[in-house]
Amino acid sequence: AFQSLVGVRIGPGWMKAVRSRIGSVEGCTHLFELLRPIATTAYQTIHPPPDSDGRPMLMNSCHGWRAGGEAIATLYPEWFRPEQG
């Protein structure tokens, strides 16, 4: 049943689409619940476009996208700010 999720776009309506494909006896409640955070995880791991000022959209939204982190240093070196410490 989970194969039916291949190609389903993660975005608005994601959980509704998941429910319609693997809800009820077609899937597993425990695995279904684990699919909820996948949308957020996928979004935050995709190389996001910058804001209108060129600033990385996810910068400082989490540890991985912090201004002094490796992701910013590698992908947006002009916005990298070494951490004090």
PDB file of N, CA and C in Angstrom:
ATOM      1  N   ALA A   1       0.813  -1.206   0.000  1.00  0.00           N
ATOM      2  CA  ALA A   1       0.000   0.000   0.000  1.00  0.00           C
ATOM      3  C   ALA A   1       0.853   1.266   0.000  1.00  0.00           C
ATOM      4  N   PHE A   2       1.990   1.236   0.664  1.00  0.00           N
ATOM      5  CA  PHE A   2       2.824   2.428   0.746  1.00  0.00           C
ATOM      6  C   PHE A   2       3.439   2.789  -0.608  1.00  0.00           C
ATOM      7  N   GLN A   3       3.530   1.846  -1.503  1.00  0.00           N
ATOM      8  CA  GLN A   3       4.009   2.125  -2.852  1.00  0.00           C
ATOM      9  C   GLN A   3       3.102   3.143  -3.538  1.00  0.00           C
ATOM     10  N   SER A   4       1.838   3.218  -3.119  1.00  0.00           N
ATOM     11  CA  SER A   4       0.896   4.162  -3.727  1.00  0.00           C
ATOM     12  C   SER A   4       1.243   5.617  -3.414  1.00  0.00           C
ATOM     13  N   LEU A   5       2.169   5.843  -2.495  1.00  0.00           N
ATOM     14  CA  LEU A   5       2.593   7.207  -2.158  1.00  0.00           C
ATOM     15  C   LEU A   5       3.670   7.730  -3.107  1.00  0.00           C
ATOM     16  N   VAL A   6       4.273   6.855  -3.874  1.00  0.00           N
ATOM     17  CA  VAL A   6       5.307   7.287  -4.815  1.00  0.00           C
ATOM     18  C   VAL A   6       4.696   8.292  -5.785  1.00  0.00           C
ATOM     19  N   GLY A   7       5.338   9.445  -5.882  1.00  0.00           N
ATOM     20  CA  GLY A   7       4.887  10.489  -6.793  1.00  0.00           C
ATOM     21  C   GLY A   7       3.925  11.490  -6.179  1.00  0.00           C
ATOM     22  N   VAL A   8       3.460  11.237  -4.941  1.00  0.00           N
ATOM     23  CA  VAL A   8       2.557  12.186  -4.286  1.00  0.00           C
ATOM     24  C   VAL A   8       3.383  13.382  -3.832  1.00  0.00           C
ATOM     25  N   ARG A   9       2.970  14.557  -4.228  1.00  0.00           N
ATOM     26  CA  ARG A   9       3.698  15.787  -3.895  1.00  0.00           C
ATOM     27  C   ARG A   9       3.527  16.134  -2.421  1.00  0.00           C
ATOM     28  N   ILE A  10       4.648  16.398  -1.773  1.00  0.00           N
ATOM     29  CA  ILE A  10       4.606  16.834  -0.380  1.00  0.00           C
ATOM     30  C   ILE A  10       4.333  18.326  -0.380  1.00  0.00           C
ATOM     31  N   GLY A  11       3.227  18.722   0.179  1.00  0.00           N
ATOM     32  CA  GLY A  11       2.816  20.118   0.217  1.00  0.00           C
ATOM     33  C   GLY A  11       1.412  20.190   0.772  1.00  0.00           C
ATOM     34  N   PRO A  12       0.689  21.250   0.447  1.00  0.00           N
ATOM     35  CA  PRO A  12      -0.689  21.359   0.926  1.00  0.00           C
ATOM     36  C   PRO A  12      -1.498  20.128   0.516  1.00  0.00           C
ATOM     37  N   GLY A  13      -2.196  19.550   1.454  1.00  0.00           N
ATOM     38  CA  GLY A  13      -2.999  18.368   1.185  1.00  0.00           C
ATOM     39  C   GLY A  13      -2.250  17.055   1.306  1.00  0.00           C
ATOM     40  N   TRP A  14      -0.993  17.104   1.730  1.00  0.00           N
ATOM     41  CA  TRP A  14      -0.162  15.907   1.854  1.00  0.00           C
ATOM     42  C   TRP A  14      -0.831  14.836   2.708  1.00  0.00           C
ATOM     43  N   MET A  15      -1.252  15.173   3.911  1.00  0.00           N
ATOM     44  CA  MET A  15      -1.821  14.161   4.793  1.00  0.00           C
ATOM     45  C   MET A  15      -3.165  13.650   4.275  1.00  0.00           C
ATOM     46  N   LYS A  16      -3.921  14.492   3.607  1.00  0.00           N
ATOM     47  CA  LYS A  16      -5.185  14.041   3.021  1.00  0.00           C
ATOM     48  C   LYS A  16      -4.913  12.996   1.932  1.00  0.00           C
ATOM     49  N   ALA A  17      -3.904  13.278   1.111  1.00  0.00           N
ATOM     50  CA  ALA A  17      -3.530  12.330   0.061  1.00  0.00           C
ATOM     51  C   ALA A  17      -3.023  11.024   0.669  1.00  0.00           C
ATOM     52  N   VAL A  18      -2.225  11.121   1.717  1.00  0.00           N
ATOM     53  CA  VAL A  18      -1.722   9.927   2.392  1.00  0.00           C
ATOM     54  C   VAL A  18      -2.882   9.127   2.966  1.00  0.00           C
ATOM     55  N   ARG A  19      -3.779   9.808   3.645  1.00  0.00           N
ATOM     56  CA  ARG A  19      -4.929   9.137   4.267  1.00  0.00           C
ATOM     57  C   ARG A  19      -5.779   8.410   3.222  1.00  0.00           C
ATOM     58  N   SER A  20      -5.961   9.051   2.064  1.00  0.00           N
ATOM     59  CA  SER A  20      -6.801   8.433   1.041  1.00  0.00           C
ATOM     60  C   SER A  20      -6.149   7.191   0.428  1.00  0.00           C
ATOM     61  N   ARG A  21      -4.806   7.118   0.504  1.00  0.00           N
ATOM     62  CA  ARG A  21      -4.110   5.984  -0.100  1.00  0.00           C
ATOM     63  C   ARG A  21      -3.814   4.860   0.887  1.00  0.00           C
ATOM     64  N   ILE A  22      -3.496   5.204   2.124  1.00  0.00           N
ATOM     65  CA  ILE A  22      -3.112   4.162   3.071  1.00  0.00           C
ATOM     66  C   ILE A  22      -3.875   4.244   4.383  1.00  0.00           C
ATOM     67  N   GLY A  23      -5.013   4.923   4.367  1.00  0.00           N
ATOM     68  CA  GLY A  23      -5.816   4.999   5.575  1.00  0.00           C
ATOM     69  C   GLY A  23      -6.503   3.676   5.861  1.00  0.00           C
ATOM     70  N   SER A  24      -7.041   3.547   7.039  1.00  0.00           N
ATOM     71  CA  SER A  24      -7.828   2.369   7.415  1.00  0.00           C
ATOM     72  C   SER A  24      -6.972   1.107   7.351  1.00  0.00           C
ATOM     73  N   VAL A  25      -7.509   0.062   6.805  1.00  0.00           N
ATOM     74  CA  VAL A  25      -6.822  -1.231   6.787  1.00  0.00           C
ATOM     75  C   VAL A  25      -5.792  -1.348   5.668  1.00  0.00           C
ATOM     76  N   GLU A  26      -5.660  -0.295   4.851  1.00  0.00           N
ATOM     77  CA  GLU A  26      -4.691  -0.327   3.750  1.00  0.00           C
ATOM     78  C   GLU A  26      -3.258  -0.116   4.225  1.00  0.00           C
ATOM     79  N   GLY A  27      -3.097   0.459   5.405  1.00  0.00           N
ATOM     80  CA  GLY A  27      -1.754   0.765   5.884  1.00  0.00           C
ATOM     81  C   GLY A  27      -1.593   0.390   7.341  1.00  0.00           C
ATOM     82  N   CYS A  28      -0.790   1.139   8.033  1.00  0.00           N
ATOM     83  CA  CYS A  28      -0.480   0.885   9.436  1.00  0.00           C
ATOM     84  C   CYS A  28      -0.532   2.213  10.177  1.00  0.00           C
ATOM     85  N   THR A  29      -1.305   2.265  11.252  1.00  0.00           N
ATOM     86  CA  THR A  29      -1.452   3.496  12.029  1.00  0.00           C
ATOM     87  C   THR A  29      -0.103   4.041  12.470  1.00  0.00           C
ATOM     88  N   HIS A  30       0.779   3.166  12.904  1.00  0.00           N
ATOM     89  CA  HIS A  30       2.079   3.611  13.416  1.00  0.00           C
ATOM     90  C   HIS A  30       2.935   4.231  12.322  1.00  0.00           C
ATOM     91  N   LEU A  31       2.973   3.610  11.168  1.00  0.00           N
ATOM     92  CA  LEU A  31       3.738   4.180  10.054  1.00  0.00           C
ATOM     93  C   LEU A  31       3.061   5.424   9.494  1.00  0.00           C
ATOM     94  N   PHE A  32       1.738   5.417   9.469  1.00  0.00           N
ATOM     95  CA  PHE A  32       0.989   6.590   9.017  1.00  0.00           C
ATOM     96  C   PHE A  32       1.375   7.815   9.848  1.00  0.00           C
ATOM     97  N   GLU A  33       1.421   7.657  11.159  1.00  0.00           N
ATOM     98  CA  GLU A  33       1.778   8.779  12.040  1.00  0.00           C
ATOM     99  C   GLU A  33       3.200   9.260  11.807  1.00  0.00           C
ATOM    100  N   LEU A  34       4.082   8.372  11.393  1.00  0.00           N
ATOM    101  CA  LEU A  34       5.461   8.775  11.119  1.00  0.00           C
ATOM    102  C   LEU A  34       5.573   9.592   9.834  1.00  0.00           C
ATOM    103  N   LEU A  35       4.568   9.528   8.986  1.00  0.00           N
ATOM    104  CA  LEU A  35       4.598  10.292   7.740  1.00  0.00           C
ATOM    105  C   LEU A  35       4.307  11.771   7.960  1.00  0.00           C
ATOM    106  N   ARG A  36       3.678  12.116   9.069  1.00  0.00           N
ATOM    107  CA  ARG A  36       3.368  13.534   9.337  1.00  0.00           C
ATOM    108  C   ARG A  36       4.608  14.434   9.293  1.00  0.00           C
ATOM    109  N   PRO A  37       5.676  14.083   9.994  1.00  0.00           N
ATOM    110  CA  PRO A  37       6.840  14.985   9.982  1.00  0.00           C
ATOM    111  C   PRO A  37       7.679  14.917   8.710  1.00  0.00           C
ATOM    112  N   ILE A  38       7.375  14.004   7.820  1.00  0.00           N
ATOM    113  CA  ILE A  38       8.174  13.896   6.600  1.00  0.00           C
ATOM    114  C   ILE A  38       8.102  15.168   5.763  1.00  0.00           C
ATOM    115  N   ALA A  39       6.936  15.789   5.698  1.00  0.00           N
ATOM    116  CA  ALA A  39       6.801  17.007   4.897  1.00  0.00           C
ATOM    117  C   ALA A  39       7.741  18.098   5.409  1.00  0.00           C
ATOM    118  N   THR A  40       7.773  18.298   6.714  1.00  0.00           N
ATOM    119  CA  THR A  40       8.654  19.312   7.295  1.00  0.00           C
ATOM    120  C   THR A  40      10.109  18.952   7.069  1.00  0.00           C
ATOM    121  N   THR A  41      10.450  17.701   7.298  1.00  0.00           N
ATOM    122  CA  THR A  41      11.827  17.241   7.118  1.00  0.00           C
ATOM    123  C   THR A  41      12.273  17.414   5.672  1.00  0.00           C
ATOM    124  N   ALA A  42      11.435  17.019   4.749  1.00  0.00           N
ATOM    125  CA  ALA A  42      11.784  17.155   3.326  1.00  0.00           C
ATOM    126  C   ALA A  42      11.980  18.615   2.952  1.00  0.00           C
ATOM    127  N   TYR A  43      11.080  19.467   3.403  1.00  0.00           N
ATOM    128  CA  TYR A  43      11.155  20.888   3.078  1.00  0.00           C
ATOM    129  C   TYR A  43      12.466  21.494   3.579  1.00  0.00           C
ATOM    130  N   GLN A  44      12.847  21.133   4.788  1.00  0.00           N
ATOM    131  CA  GLN A  44      14.042  21.734   5.377  1.00  0.00           C
ATOM    132  C   GLN A  44      15.342  21.166   4.829  1.00  0.00           C
ATOM    133  N   THR A  45      15.291  20.044   4.143  1.00  0.00           N
ATOM    134  CA  THR A  45      16.514  19.483   3.588  1.00  0.00           C
ATOM    135  C   THR A  45      16.711  19.841   2.121  1.00  0.00           C
ATOM    136  N   ILE A  46      15.689  20.355   1.491  1.00  0.00           N
ATOM    137  CA  ILE A  46      15.807  20.793   0.103  1.00  0.00           C
ATOM    138  C   ILE A  46      16.516  22.133   0.086  1.00  0.00           C
ATOM    139  N   HIS A  47      17.399  22.318  -0.865  1.00  0.00           N
ATOM    140  CA  HIS A  47      18.119  23.597  -0.997  1.00  0.00           C
ATOM    141  C   HIS A  47      17.097  24.690  -1.320  1.00  0.00           C
ATOM    142  N   PRO A  48      16.702  25.474  -0.311  1.00  0.00           N
ATOM    143  CA  PRO A  48      15.652  26.471  -0.530  1.00  0.00           C
ATOM    144  C   PRO A  48      16.148  27.708  -1.275  1.00  0.00           C
ATOM    145  N   PRO A  49      15.255  28.389  -1.954  1.00  0.00           N
ATOM    146  CA  PRO A  49      15.647  29.627  -2.631  1.00  0.00           C
ATOM    147  C   PRO A  49      15.880  30.726  -1.590  1.00  0.00           C
ATOM    148  N   PRO A  50      16.670  31.719  -1.922  1.00  0.00           N
ATOM    149  CA  PRO A  50      16.882  32.828  -0.981  1.00  0.00           C
ATOM    150  C   PRO A  50      15.676  33.768  -0.940  1.00  0.00           C
ATOM    151  N   ASP A  51      15.603  34.551   0.149  1.00  0.00           N
ATOM    152  CA  ASP A  51      14.584  35.597   0.249  1.00  0.00           C
ATOM    153  C   ASP A  51      14.902  36.682  -0.775  1.00  0.00           C
ATOM    154  N   SER A  52      14.047  37.675  -0.870  1.00  0.00           N
ATOM    155  CA  SER A  52      14.233  38.748  -1.860  1.00  0.00           C
ATOM    156  C   SER A  52      15.535  39.521  -1.641  1.00  0.00           C
ATOM    157  N   ASP A  53      16.052  39.532  -0.420  1.00  0.00           N
ATOM    158  CA  ASP A  53      17.313  40.229  -0.141  1.00  0.00           C
ATOM    159  C   ASP A  53      18.530  39.317  -0.323  1.00  0.00           C
ATOM    160  N   GLY A  54      18.295  38.076  -0.765  1.00  0.00           N
ATOM    161  CA  GLY A  54      19.384  37.142  -0.984  1.00  0.00           C
ATOM    162  C   GLY A  54      19.706  36.261   0.204  1.00  0.00           C
ATOM    163  N   ARG A  55      19.069  36.550   1.341  1.00  0.00           N
ATOM    164  CA  ARG A  55      19.303  35.765   2.562  1.00  0.00           C
ATOM    165  C   ARG A  55      18.666  34.389   2.413  1.00  0.00           C
ATOM    166  N   PRO A  56      19.367  33.332   2.821  1.00  0.00           N
ATOM    167  CA  PRO A  56      18.782  32.000   2.755  1.00  0.00           C
ATOM    168  C   PRO A  56      17.484  31.934   3.555  1.00  0.00           C
ATOM    169  N   MET A  57      16.428  31.424   2.947  1.00  0.00           N
ATOM    170  CA  MET A  57      15.100  31.433   3.551  1.00  0.00           C
ATOM    171  C   MET A  57      15.061  30.722   4.909  1.00  0.00           C
ATOM    172  N   LEU A  58      15.809  29.640   5.058  1.00  0.00           N
ATOM    173  CA  LEU A  58      15.756  28.884   6.309  1.00  0.00           C
ATOM    174  C   LEU A  58      16.852  29.258   7.301  1.00  0.00           C
ATOM    175  N   MET A  59      17.664  30.246   6.975  1.00  0.00           N
ATOM    176  CA  MET A  59      18.762  30.606   7.851  1.00  0.00           C
ATOM    177  C   MET A  59      18.264  30.929   9.256  1.00  0.00           C
ATOM    178  N   ASN A  60      18.918  30.332  10.230  1.00  0.00           N
ATOM    179  CA  ASN A  60      18.622  30.483  11.655  1.00  0.00           C
ATOM    180  C   ASN A  60      17.249  29.930  12.051  1.00  0.00           C
ATOM    181  N   SER A  61      16.708  29.034  11.235  1.00  0.00           N
ATOM    182  CA  SER A  61      15.446  28.392  11.603  1.00  0.00           C
ATOM    183  C   SER A  61      15.676  27.107  12.389  1.00  0.00           C
ATOM    184  N   CYS A  62      16.913  26.611  12.382  1.00  0.00           N
ATOM    185  CA  CYS A  62      17.259  25.416  13.145  1.00  0.00           C
ATOM    186  C   CYS A  62      18.784  25.329  13.241  1.00  0.00           C
ATOM    187  N   HIS A  63      19.255  24.337  13.976  1.00  0.00           N
ATOM    188  CA  HIS A  63      20.694  24.150  14.174  1.00  0.00           C
ATOM    189  C   HIS A  63      21.425  23.957  12.845  1.00  0.00           C
ATOM    190  N   GLY A  64      20.855  23.147  11.964  1.00  0.00           N
ATOM    191  CA  GLY A  64      21.509  22.861  10.689  1.00  0.00           C
ATOM    192  C   GLY A  64      21.616  24.069   9.769  1.00  0.00           C
ATOM    193  N   TRP A  65      20.686  25.004   9.882  1.00  0.00           N
ATOM    194  CA  TRP A  65      20.675  26.197   9.031  1.00  0.00           C
ATOM    195  C   TRP A  65      21.142  27.450   9.776  1.00  0.00           C
ATOM    196  N   ARG A  66      21.864  27.266  10.891  1.00  0.00           N
ATOM    197  CA  ARG A  66      22.339  28.433  11.646  1.00  0.00           C
ATOM    198  C   ARG A  66      23.400  29.196  10.848  1.00  0.00           C
ATOM    199  N   ALA A  67      23.498  30.495  11.116  1.00  0.00           N
ATOM    200  CA  ALA A  67      24.412  31.367  10.368  1.00  0.00           C
ATOM    201  C   ALA A  67      25.865  30.916  10.463  1.00  0.00           C
ATOM    202  N   GLY A  68      26.228  30.236  11.548  1.00  0.00           N
ATOM    203  CA  GLY A  68      27.601  29.789  11.719  1.00  0.00           C
ATOM    204  C   GLY A  68      27.808  28.327  11.383  1.00  0.00           C
ATOM    205  N   GLY A  69      26.839  27.722  10.722  1.00  0.00           N
ATOM    206  CA  GLY A  69      26.914  26.297  10.436  1.00  0.00           C
ATOM    207  C   GLY A  69      27.490  25.962   9.067  1.00  0.00           C
ATOM    208  N   GLU A  70      27.726  24.675   8.881  1.00  0.00           N
ATOM    209  CA  GLU A  70      28.343  24.184   7.650  1.00  0.00           C
ATOM    210  C   GLU A  70      27.470  24.402   6.418  1.00  0.00           C
ATOM    211  N   ALA A  71      26.152  24.266   6.571  1.00  0.00           N
ATOM    212  CA  ALA A  71      25.265  24.442   5.410  1.00  0.00           C
ATOM    213  C   ALA A  71      25.368  25.862   4.866  1.00  0.00           C
ATOM    214  N   ILE A  72      25.324  26.842   5.747  1.00  0.00           N
ATOM    215  CA  ILE A  72      25.422  28.241   5.308  1.00  0.00           C
ATOM    216  C   ILE A  72      26.821  28.521   4.766  1.00  0.00           C
ATOM    217  N   ALA A  73      27.837  28.008   5.436  1.00  0.00           N
ATOM    218  CA  ALA A  73      29.215  28.229   4.978  1.00  0.00           C
ATOM    219  C   ALA A  73      29.427  27.673   3.578  1.00  0.00           C
ATOM    220  N   THR A  74      28.825  26.529   3.298  1.00  0.00           N
ATOM    221  CA  THR A  74      29.010  25.871   2.009  1.00  0.00           C
ATOM    222  C   THR A  74      28.123  26.455   0.918  1.00  0.00           C
ATOM    223  N   LEU A  75      26.840  26.631   1.232  1.00  0.00           N
ATOM    224  CA  LEU A  75      25.882  27.044   0.209  1.00  0.00           C
ATOM    225  C   LEU A  75      25.746  28.558   0.058  1.00  0.00           C
ATOM    226  N   TYR A  76      25.949  29.277   1.147  1.00  0.00           N
ATOM    227  CA  TYR A  76      25.792  30.735   1.144  1.00  0.00           C
ATOM    228  C   TYR A  76      26.954  31.382   1.896  1.00  0.00           C
ATOM    229  N   PRO A  77      28.173  31.250   1.419  1.00  0.00           N
ATOM    230  CA  PRO A  77      29.321  31.764   2.178  1.00  0.00           C
ATOM    231  C   PRO A  77      29.237  33.254   2.486  1.00  0.00           C
ATOM    232  N   GLU A  78      28.542  34.003   1.654  1.00  0.00           N
ATOM    233  CA  GLU A  78      28.418  35.450   1.918  1.00  0.00           C
ATOM    234  C   GLU A  78      27.564  35.750   3.152  1.00  0.00           C
ATOM    235  N   TRP A  79      26.759  34.803   3.593  1.00  0.00           N
ATOM    236  CA  TRP A  79      25.918  34.970   4.782  1.00  0.00           C
ATOM    237  C   TRP A  79      26.488  34.254   6.000  1.00  0.00           C
ATOM    238  N   PHE A  80      27.585  33.531   5.833  1.00  0.00           N
ATOM    239  CA  PHE A  80      28.185  32.784   6.935  1.00  0.00           C
ATOM    240  C   PHE A  80      28.726  33.727   7.992  1.00  0.00           C
ATOM    241  N   ARG A  81      28.421  33.460   9.238  1.00  0.00           N
ATOM    242  CA  ARG A  81      28.908  34.235  10.374  1.00  0.00           C
ATOM    243  C   ARG A  81      29.530  33.266  11.366  1.00  0.00           C
ATOM    244  N   PRO A  82      30.864  33.281  11.491  1.00  0.00           N
ATOM    245  CA  PRO A  82      31.506  32.350  12.429  1.00  0.00           C
ATOM    246  C   PRO A  82      30.918  32.474  13.826  1.00  0.00           C
ATOM    247  N   GLU A  83      30.784  31.348  14.472  1.00  0.00           N
ATOM    248  CA  GLU A  83      30.190  31.336  15.818  1.00  0.00           C
ATOM    249  C   GLU A  83      31.222  31.793  16.840  1.00  0.00           C
ATOM    250  N   GLN A  84      30.781  32.571  17.778  1.00  0.00           N
ATOM    251  CA  GLN A  84      31.616  33.045  18.866  1.00  0.00           C
ATOM    252  C   GLN A  84      31.655  31.975  19.946  1.00  0.00           C
ATOM    253  N   GLY A  85      32.751  31.774  20.576  1.00  0.00           N
ATOM    254  CA  GLY A  85      32.734  30.784  21.632  1.00  0.00           C
ATOM    255  C   GLY A  85      34.018  30.396  22.067  1.00  0.00           C
TER     256      GLY A  85
END
